[in-house]
Amino acid sequence: ADWVRLEVQKAISGGKRVIPVLVDGAEMPDAGVLPEDIRSLGRYQAVKLYPDQFNSGMQMLIKAIERGATG
């Protein structure tokens, strides 16, 4: 069982805000390679976190969360 996929699918289908976080150079997969029930995730803008820029990356994540809370 792919628990991460199940949690993402549950959040998307429940109308919850999902913010992909890419760590240490990871890339967002193309929507076409994602399972159908989470394919919309491929259209989301991700926040990139790097160990040497952790604080600035977290600030971007916080701003993304705040934007979602206000609009």
PDB file of N, CA and C in Angstrom:
ATOM      1  N   ALA A   1       0.847  -1.192   0.000  1.00  0.00           N
ATOM      2  CA  ALA A   1       0.000   0.000   0.000  1.00  0.00           C
ATOM      3  C   ALA A   1       0.887   1.248   0.000  1.00  0.00           C
ATOM      4  N   ASP A   2       0.532   2.192  -0.813  1.00  0.00           N
ATOM      5  CA  ASP A   2       1.272   3.453  -0.920  1.00  0.00           C
ATOM      6  C   ASP A   2       0.550   4.492  -0.051  1.00  0.00           C
ATOM      7  N   TRP A   3       0.971   4.609   1.186  1.00  0.00           N
ATOM      8  CA  TRP A   3       0.280   5.466   2.149  1.00  0.00           C
ATOM      9  C   TRP A   3       0.355   6.938   1.779  1.00  0.00           C
ATOM     10  N   VAL A   4       1.458   7.370   1.194  1.00  0.00           N
ATOM     11  CA  VAL A   4       1.577   8.772   0.801  1.00  0.00           C
ATOM     12  C   VAL A   4       0.552   9.086  -0.285  1.00  0.00           C
ATOM     13  N   ARG A   5       0.473   8.217  -1.308  1.00  0.00           N
ATOM     14  CA  ARG A   5      -0.508   8.433  -2.374  1.00  0.00           C
ATOM     15  C   ARG A   5      -1.927   8.456  -1.814  1.00  0.00           C
ATOM     16  N   LEU A   6      -2.233   7.543  -0.896  1.00  0.00           N
ATOM     17  CA  LEU A   6      -3.575   7.498  -0.310  1.00  0.00           C
ATOM     18  C   LEU A   6      -3.892   8.777   0.458  1.00  0.00           C
ATOM     19  N   GLU A   7      -2.922   9.293   1.214  1.00  0.00           N
ATOM     20  CA  GLU A   7      -3.140  10.534   1.966  1.00  0.00           C
ATOM     21  C   GLU A   7      -3.318  11.721   1.034  1.00  0.00           C
ATOM     22  N   VAL A   8      -2.516  11.784  -0.028  1.00  0.00           N
ATOM     23  CA  VAL A   8      -2.637  12.880  -0.996  1.00  0.00           C
ATOM     24  C   VAL A   8      -3.991  12.810  -1.685  1.00  0.00           C
ATOM     25  N   GLN A   9      -4.391  11.610  -2.100  1.00  0.00           N
ATOM     26  CA  GLN A   9      -5.694  11.443  -2.770  1.00  0.00           C
ATOM     27  C   GLN A   9      -6.830  11.849  -1.843  1.00  0.00           C
ATOM     28  N   LYS A  10      -6.748  11.463  -0.591  1.00  0.00           N
ATOM     29  CA  LYS A  10      -7.792  11.813   0.382  1.00  0.00           C
ATOM     30  C   LYS A  10      -7.872  13.335   0.564  1.00  0.00           C
ATOM     31  N   ALA A  11      -6.721  13.983   0.643  1.00  0.00           N
ATOM     32  CA  ALA A  11      -6.699  15.439   0.801  1.00  0.00           C
ATOM     33  C   ALA A  11      -7.281  16.131  -0.428  1.00  0.00           C
ATOM     34  N   ILE A  12      -6.865  15.703  -1.627  1.00  0.00           N
ATOM     35  CA  ILE A  12      -7.364  16.323  -2.857  1.00  0.00           C
ATOM     36  C   ILE A  12      -8.864  16.120  -2.979  1.00  0.00           C
ATOM     37  N   SER A  13      -9.335  14.898  -2.776  1.00  0.00           N
ATOM     38  CA  SER A  13     -10.775  14.631  -2.928  1.00  0.00           C
ATOM     39  C   SER A  13     -11.593  15.310  -1.839  1.00  0.00           C
ATOM     40  N   GLY A  14     -10.967  15.600  -0.696  1.00  0.00           N
ATOM     41  CA  GLY A  14     -11.665  16.279   0.389  1.00  0.00           C
ATOM     42  C   GLY A  14     -11.584  17.792   0.317  1.00  0.00           C
ATOM     43  N   GLY A  15     -10.985  18.307  -0.770  1.00  0.00           N
ATOM     44  CA  GLY A  15     -10.904  19.753  -0.935  1.00  0.00           C
ATOM     45  C   GLY A  15      -9.870  20.413  -0.028  1.00  0.00           C
ATOM     46  N   LYS A  16      -8.948  19.634   0.498  1.00  0.00           N
ATOM     47  CA  LYS A  16      -7.898  20.186   1.370  1.00  0.00           C
ATOM     48  C   LYS A  16      -6.785  20.791   0.527  1.00  0.00           C
ATOM     49  N   ARG A  17      -6.106  21.749   1.080  1.00  0.00           N
ATOM     50  CA  ARG A  17      -4.979  22.382   0.382  1.00  0.00           C
ATOM     51  C   ARG A  17      -3.784  21.436   0.427  1.00  0.00           C
ATOM     52  N   VAL A  18      -3.189  21.213  -0.736  1.00  0.00           N
ATOM     53  CA  VAL A  18      -2.014  20.356  -0.853  1.00  0.00           C
ATOM     54  C   VAL A  18      -0.889  21.186  -1.446  1.00  0.00           C
ATOM     55  N   ILE A  19       0.245  21.208  -0.775  1.00  0.00           N
ATOM     56  CA  ILE A  19       1.414  21.936  -1.260  1.00  0.00           C
ATOM     57  C   ILE A  19       2.556  20.936  -1.382  1.00  0.00           C
ATOM     58  N   PRO A  20       2.915  20.579  -2.608  1.00  0.00           N
ATOM     59  CA  PRO A  20       4.049  19.664  -2.764  1.00  0.00           C
ATOM     60  C   PRO A  20       5.340  20.323  -2.264  1.00  0.00           C
ATOM     61  N   VAL A  21       6.152  19.567  -1.557  1.00  0.00           N
ATOM     62  CA  VAL A  21       7.444  20.038  -1.076  1.00  0.00           C
ATOM     63  C   VAL A  21       8.504  19.130  -1.687  1.00  0.00           C
ATOM     64  N   LEU A  22       9.401  19.736  -2.442  1.00  0.00           N
ATOM     65  CA  LEU A  22      10.481  19.002  -3.093  1.00  0.00           C
ATOM     66  C   LEU A  22      11.758  19.221  -2.303  1.00  0.00           C
ATOM     67  N   VAL A  23      12.417  18.144  -1.920  1.00  0.00           N
ATOM     68  CA  VAL A  23      13.570  18.220  -1.035  1.00  0.00           C
ATOM     69  C   VAL A  23      14.855  17.892  -1.799  1.00  0.00           C
ATOM     70  N   ASP A  24      15.860  18.751  -1.600  1.00  0.00           N
ATOM     71  CA  ASP A  24      17.222  18.499  -2.061  1.00  0.00           C
ATOM     72  C   ASP A  24      17.317  18.167  -3.553  1.00  0.00           C
ATOM     73  N   GLY A  25      16.666  18.988  -4.380  1.00  0.00           N
ATOM     74  CA  GLY A  25      16.782  18.841  -5.826  1.00  0.00           C
ATOM     75  C   GLY A  25      15.771  17.921  -6.476  1.00  0.00           C
ATOM     76  N   ALA A  26      14.854  17.358  -5.713  1.00  0.00           N
ATOM     77  CA  ALA A  26      13.811  16.508  -6.304  1.00  0.00           C
ATOM     78  C   ALA A  26      12.985  17.338  -7.287  1.00  0.00           C
ATOM     79  N   GLU A  27      12.467  16.699  -8.317  1.00  0.00           N
ATOM     80  CA  GLU A  27      11.659  17.375  -9.332  1.00  0.00           C
ATOM     81  C   GLU A  27      10.219  16.893  -9.268  1.00  0.00           C
ATOM     82  N   MET A  28       9.302  17.769  -9.632  1.00  0.00           N
ATOM     83  CA  MET A  28       7.896  17.416  -9.713  1.00  0.00           C
ATOM     84  C   MET A  28       7.706  16.445 -10.873  1.00  0.00           C
ATOM     85  N   PRO A  29       7.019  15.328 -10.654  1.00  0.00           N
ATOM     86  CA  PRO A  29       6.774  14.401 -11.761  1.00  0.00           C
ATOM     87  C   PRO A  29       5.758  14.992 -12.739  1.00  0.00           C
ATOM     88  N   ASP A  30       5.850  14.575 -13.983  1.00  0.00           N
ATOM     89  CA  ASP A  30       4.835  14.968 -14.959  1.00  0.00           C
ATOM     90  C   ASP A  30       3.514  14.344 -14.548  1.00  0.00           C
ATOM     91  N   ALA A  31       2.417  15.078 -14.773  1.00  0.00           N
ATOM     92  CA  ALA A  31       1.092  14.592 -14.385  1.00  0.00           C
ATOM     93  C   ALA A  31       0.800  13.229 -15.014  1.00  0.00           C
ATOM     94  N   GLY A  32       1.293  13.000 -16.220  1.00  0.00           N
ATOM     95  CA  GLY A  32       1.002  11.757 -16.925  1.00  0.00           C
ATOM     96  C   GLY A  32       1.556  10.507 -16.277  1.00  0.00           C
ATOM     97  N   VAL A  33       2.554  10.635 -15.421  1.00  0.00           N
ATOM     98  CA  VAL A  33       3.125   9.456 -14.773  1.00  0.00           C
ATOM     99  C   VAL A  33       2.529   9.207 -13.391  1.00  0.00           C
ATOM    100  N   LEU A  34       1.674  10.107 -12.934  1.00  0.00           N
ATOM    101  CA  LEU A  34       1.045   9.944 -11.627  1.00  0.00           C
ATOM    102  C   LEU A  34      -0.192   9.062 -11.741  1.00  0.00           C
ATOM    103  N   PRO A  35      -0.536   8.346 -10.668  1.00  0.00           N
ATOM    104  CA  PRO A  35      -1.790   7.592 -10.686  1.00  0.00           C
ATOM    105  C   PRO A  35      -2.963   8.540 -10.941  1.00  0.00           C
ATOM    106  N   GLU A  36      -3.975   8.033 -11.621  1.00  0.00           N
ATOM    107  CA  GLU A  36      -5.094   8.884 -12.043  1.00  0.00           C
ATOM    108  C   GLU A  36      -5.736   9.652 -10.889  1.00  0.00           C
ATOM    109  N   ASP A  37      -5.856   9.031  -9.710  1.00  0.00           N
ATOM    110  CA  ASP A  37      -6.557   9.684  -8.609  1.00  0.00           C
ATOM    111  C   ASP A  37      -5.787  10.842  -7.976  1.00  0.00           C
ATOM    112  N   ILE A  38      -4.497  10.990  -8.322  1.00  0.00           N
ATOM    113  CA  ILE A  38      -3.738  12.154  -7.828  1.00  0.00           C
ATOM    114  C   ILE A  38      -3.077  12.916  -8.980  1.00  0.00           C
ATOM    115  N   ARG A  39      -3.523  12.688 -10.184  1.00  0.00           N
ATOM    116  CA  ARG A  39      -2.919  13.309 -11.357  1.00  0.00           C
ATOM    117  C   ARG A  39      -2.949  14.829 -11.285  1.00  0.00           C
ATOM    118  N   SER A  40      -3.957  15.402 -10.658  1.00  0.00           N
ATOM    119  CA  SER A  40      -4.048  16.866 -10.549  1.00  0.00           C
ATOM    120  C   SER A  40      -2.862  17.439  -9.773  1.00  0.00           C
ATOM    121  N   LEU A  41      -2.213  16.644  -8.950  1.00  0.00           N
ATOM    122  CA  LEU A  41      -1.044  17.102  -8.191  1.00  0.00           C
ATOM    123  C   LEU A  41       0.062  17.599  -9.123  1.00  0.00           C
ATOM    124  N   GLY A  42       0.145  17.055 -10.312  1.00  0.00           N
ATOM    125  CA  GLY A  42       1.169  17.449 -11.266  1.00  0.00           C
ATOM    126  C   GLY A  42       1.037  18.876 -11.751  1.00  0.00           C
ATOM    127  N   ARG A  43      -0.107  19.501 -11.513  1.00  0.00           N
ATOM    128  CA  ARG A  43      -0.326  20.891 -11.919  1.00  0.00           C
ATOM    129  C   ARG A  43      -0.028  21.877 -10.793  1.00  0.00           C
ATOM    130  N   TYR A  44       0.253  21.382  -9.615  1.00  0.00           N
ATOM    131  CA  TYR A  44       0.479  22.248  -8.466  1.00  0.00           C
ATOM    132  C   TYR A  44       1.876  22.838  -8.493  1.00  0.00           C
ATOM    133  N   GLN A  45       2.005  24.022  -7.940  1.00  0.00           N
ATOM    134  CA  GLN A  45       3.316  24.645  -7.796  1.00  0.00           C
ATOM    135  C   GLN A  45       3.945  24.123  -6.505  1.00  0.00           C
ATOM    136  N   ALA A  46       5.156  23.643  -6.610  1.00  0.00           N
ATOM    137  CA  ALA A  46       5.834  23.056  -5.456  1.00  0.00           C
ATOM    138  C   ALA A  46       6.762  24.060  -4.792  1.00  0.00           C
ATOM    139  N   VAL A  47       7.013  23.838  -3.521  1.00  0.00           N
ATOM    140  CA  VAL A  47       8.017  24.590  -2.777  1.00  0.00           C
ATOM    141  C   VAL A  47       9.257  23.712  -2.718  1.00  0.00           C
ATOM    142  N   LYS A  48      10.412  24.274  -3.069  1.00  0.00           N
ATOM    143  CA  LYS A  48      11.666  23.525  -3.067  1.00  0.00           C
ATOM    144  C   LYS A  48      12.449  23.842  -1.799  1.00  0.00           C
ATOM    145  N   LEU A  49      12.903  22.792  -1.129  1.00  0.00           N
ATOM    146  CA  LEU A  49      13.711  22.945   0.079  1.00  0.00           C
ATOM    147  C   LEU A  49      15.082  22.320  -0.145  1.00  0.00           C
ATOM    148  N   TYR A  50      16.114  23.062   0.208  1.00  0.00           N
ATOM    149  CA  TYR A  50      17.488  22.584   0.123  1.00  0.00           C
ATOM    150  C   TYR A  50      18.118  22.720   1.504  1.00  0.00           C
ATOM    151  N   PRO A  51      18.919  21.752   1.921  1.00  0.00           N
ATOM    152  CA  PRO A  51      19.517  21.822   3.262  1.00  0.00           C
ATOM    153  C   PRO A  51      20.270  23.121   3.529  1.00  0.00           C
ATOM    154  N   ASP A  52      20.982  23.641   2.521  1.00  0.00           N
ATOM    155  CA  ASP A  52      21.773  24.847   2.749  1.00  0.00           C
ATOM    156  C   ASP A  52      20.955  26.130   2.666  1.00  0.00           C
ATOM    157  N   GLN A  53      19.679  26.021   2.287  1.00  0.00           N
ATOM    158  CA  GLN A  53      18.790  27.184   2.204  1.00  0.00           C
ATOM    159  C   GLN A  53      17.480  26.878   2.926  1.00  0.00           C
ATOM    160  N   PHE A  54      17.576  26.117   3.997  1.00  0.00           N
ATOM    161  CA  PHE A  54      16.377  25.636   4.676  1.00  0.00           C
ATOM    162  C   PHE A  54      15.491  26.774   5.167  1.00  0.00           C
ATOM    163  N   ASN A  55      16.078  27.786   5.799  1.00  0.00           N
ATOM    164  CA  ASN A  55      15.273  28.871   6.369  1.00  0.00           C
ATOM    165  C   ASN A  55      14.510  29.634   5.296  1.00  0.00           C
ATOM    166  N   SER A  56      15.161  29.968   4.179  1.00  0.00           N
ATOM    167  CA  SER A  56      14.456  30.696   3.125  1.00  0.00           C
ATOM    168  C   SER A  56      13.396  29.805   2.482  1.00  0.00           C
ATOM    169  N   GLY A  57      13.681  28.519   2.348  1.00  0.00           N
ATOM    170  CA  GLY A  57      12.687  27.593   1.805  1.00  0.00           C
ATOM    171  C   GLY A  57      11.469  27.482   2.706  1.00  0.00           C
ATOM    172  N   MET A  58      11.706  27.433   4.005  1.00  0.00           N
ATOM    173  CA  MET A  58      10.579  27.370   4.944  1.00  0.00           C
ATOM    174  C   MET A  58       9.758  28.653   4.899  1.00  0.00           C
ATOM    175  N   GLN A  59      10.399  29.789   4.702  1.00  0.00           N
ATOM    176  CA  GLN A  59       9.660  31.048   4.570  1.00  0.00           C
ATOM    177  C   GLN A  59       8.738  31.000   3.346  1.00  0.00           C
ATOM    178  N   MET A  60       9.223  30.417   2.237  1.00  0.00           N
ATOM    179  CA  MET A  60       8.375  30.277   1.048  1.00  0.00           C
ATOM    180  C   MET A  60       7.192  29.354   1.339  1.00  0.00           C
ATOM    181  N   LEU A  61       7.434  28.275   2.073  1.00  0.00           N
ATOM    182  CA  LEU A  61       6.359  27.355   2.429  1.00  0.00           C
ATOM    183  C   LEU A  61       5.336  28.044   3.332  1.00  0.00           C
ATOM    184  N   ILE A  62       5.802  28.796   4.297  1.00  0.00           N
ATOM    185  CA  ILE A  62       4.896  29.528   5.192  1.00  0.00           C
ATOM    186  C   ILE A  62       4.049  30.515   4.399  1.00  0.00           C
ATOM    187  N   LYS A  63       4.652  31.235   3.463  1.00  0.00           N
ATOM    188  CA  LYS A  63       3.895  32.182   2.636  1.00  0.00           C
ATOM    189  C   LYS A  63       2.849  31.467   1.793  1.00  0.00           C
ATOM    190  N   ALA A  64       3.191  30.302   1.258  1.00  0.00           N
ATOM    191  CA  ALA A  64       2.231  29.525   0.469  1.00  0.00           C
ATOM    192  C   ALA A  64       1.053  29.086   1.330  1.00  0.00           C
ATOM    193  N   ILE A  65       1.328  28.679   2.555  1.00  0.00           N
ATOM    194  CA  ILE A  65       0.260  28.280   3.476  1.00  0.00           C
ATOM    195  C   ILE A  65      -0.608  29.474   3.828  1.00  0.00           C
ATOM    196  N   GLU A  66       0.025  30.612   4.098  1.00  0.00           N
ATOM    197  CA  GLU A  66      -0.735  31.824   4.444  1.00  0.00           C
ATOM    198  C   GLU A  66      -1.609  32.286   3.275  1.00  0.00           C
ATOM    199  N   ARG A  67      -1.089  32.197   2.047  1.00  0.00           N
ATOM    200  CA  ARG A  67      -1.896  32.569   0.879  1.00  0.00           C
ATOM    201  C   ARG A  67      -3.131  31.677   0.787  1.00  0.00           C
ATOM    202  N   GLY A  68      -2.954  30.405   1.078  1.00  0.00           N
ATOM    203  CA  GLY A  68      -4.077  29.472   1.031  1.00  0.00           C
ATOM    204  C   GLY A  68      -5.109  29.756   2.109  1.00  0.00           C
ATOM    205  N   ALA A  69      -4.647  30.232   3.246  1.00  0.00           N
ATOM    206  CA  ALA A  69      -5.561  30.524   4.361  1.00  0.00           C
ATOM    207  C   ALA A  69      -6.354  31.797   4.115  1.00  0.00           C
ATOM    208  N   THR A  70      -5.814  32.682   3.282  1.00  0.00           N
ATOM    209  CA  THR A  70      -6.492  33.964   3.071  1.00  0.00           C
ATOM    210  C   THR A  70      -7.146  34.053   1.697  1.00  0.00           C
ATOM    211  N   GLY A  71      -6.947  33.116   0.859  1.00  0.00           N
ATOM    212  CA  GLY A  71      -7.529  33.258  -0.466  1.00  0.00           C
ATOM    213  C   GLY A  71      -7.537  31.997  -1.167  1.00  0.00           C
TER     214      GLY A  71
END
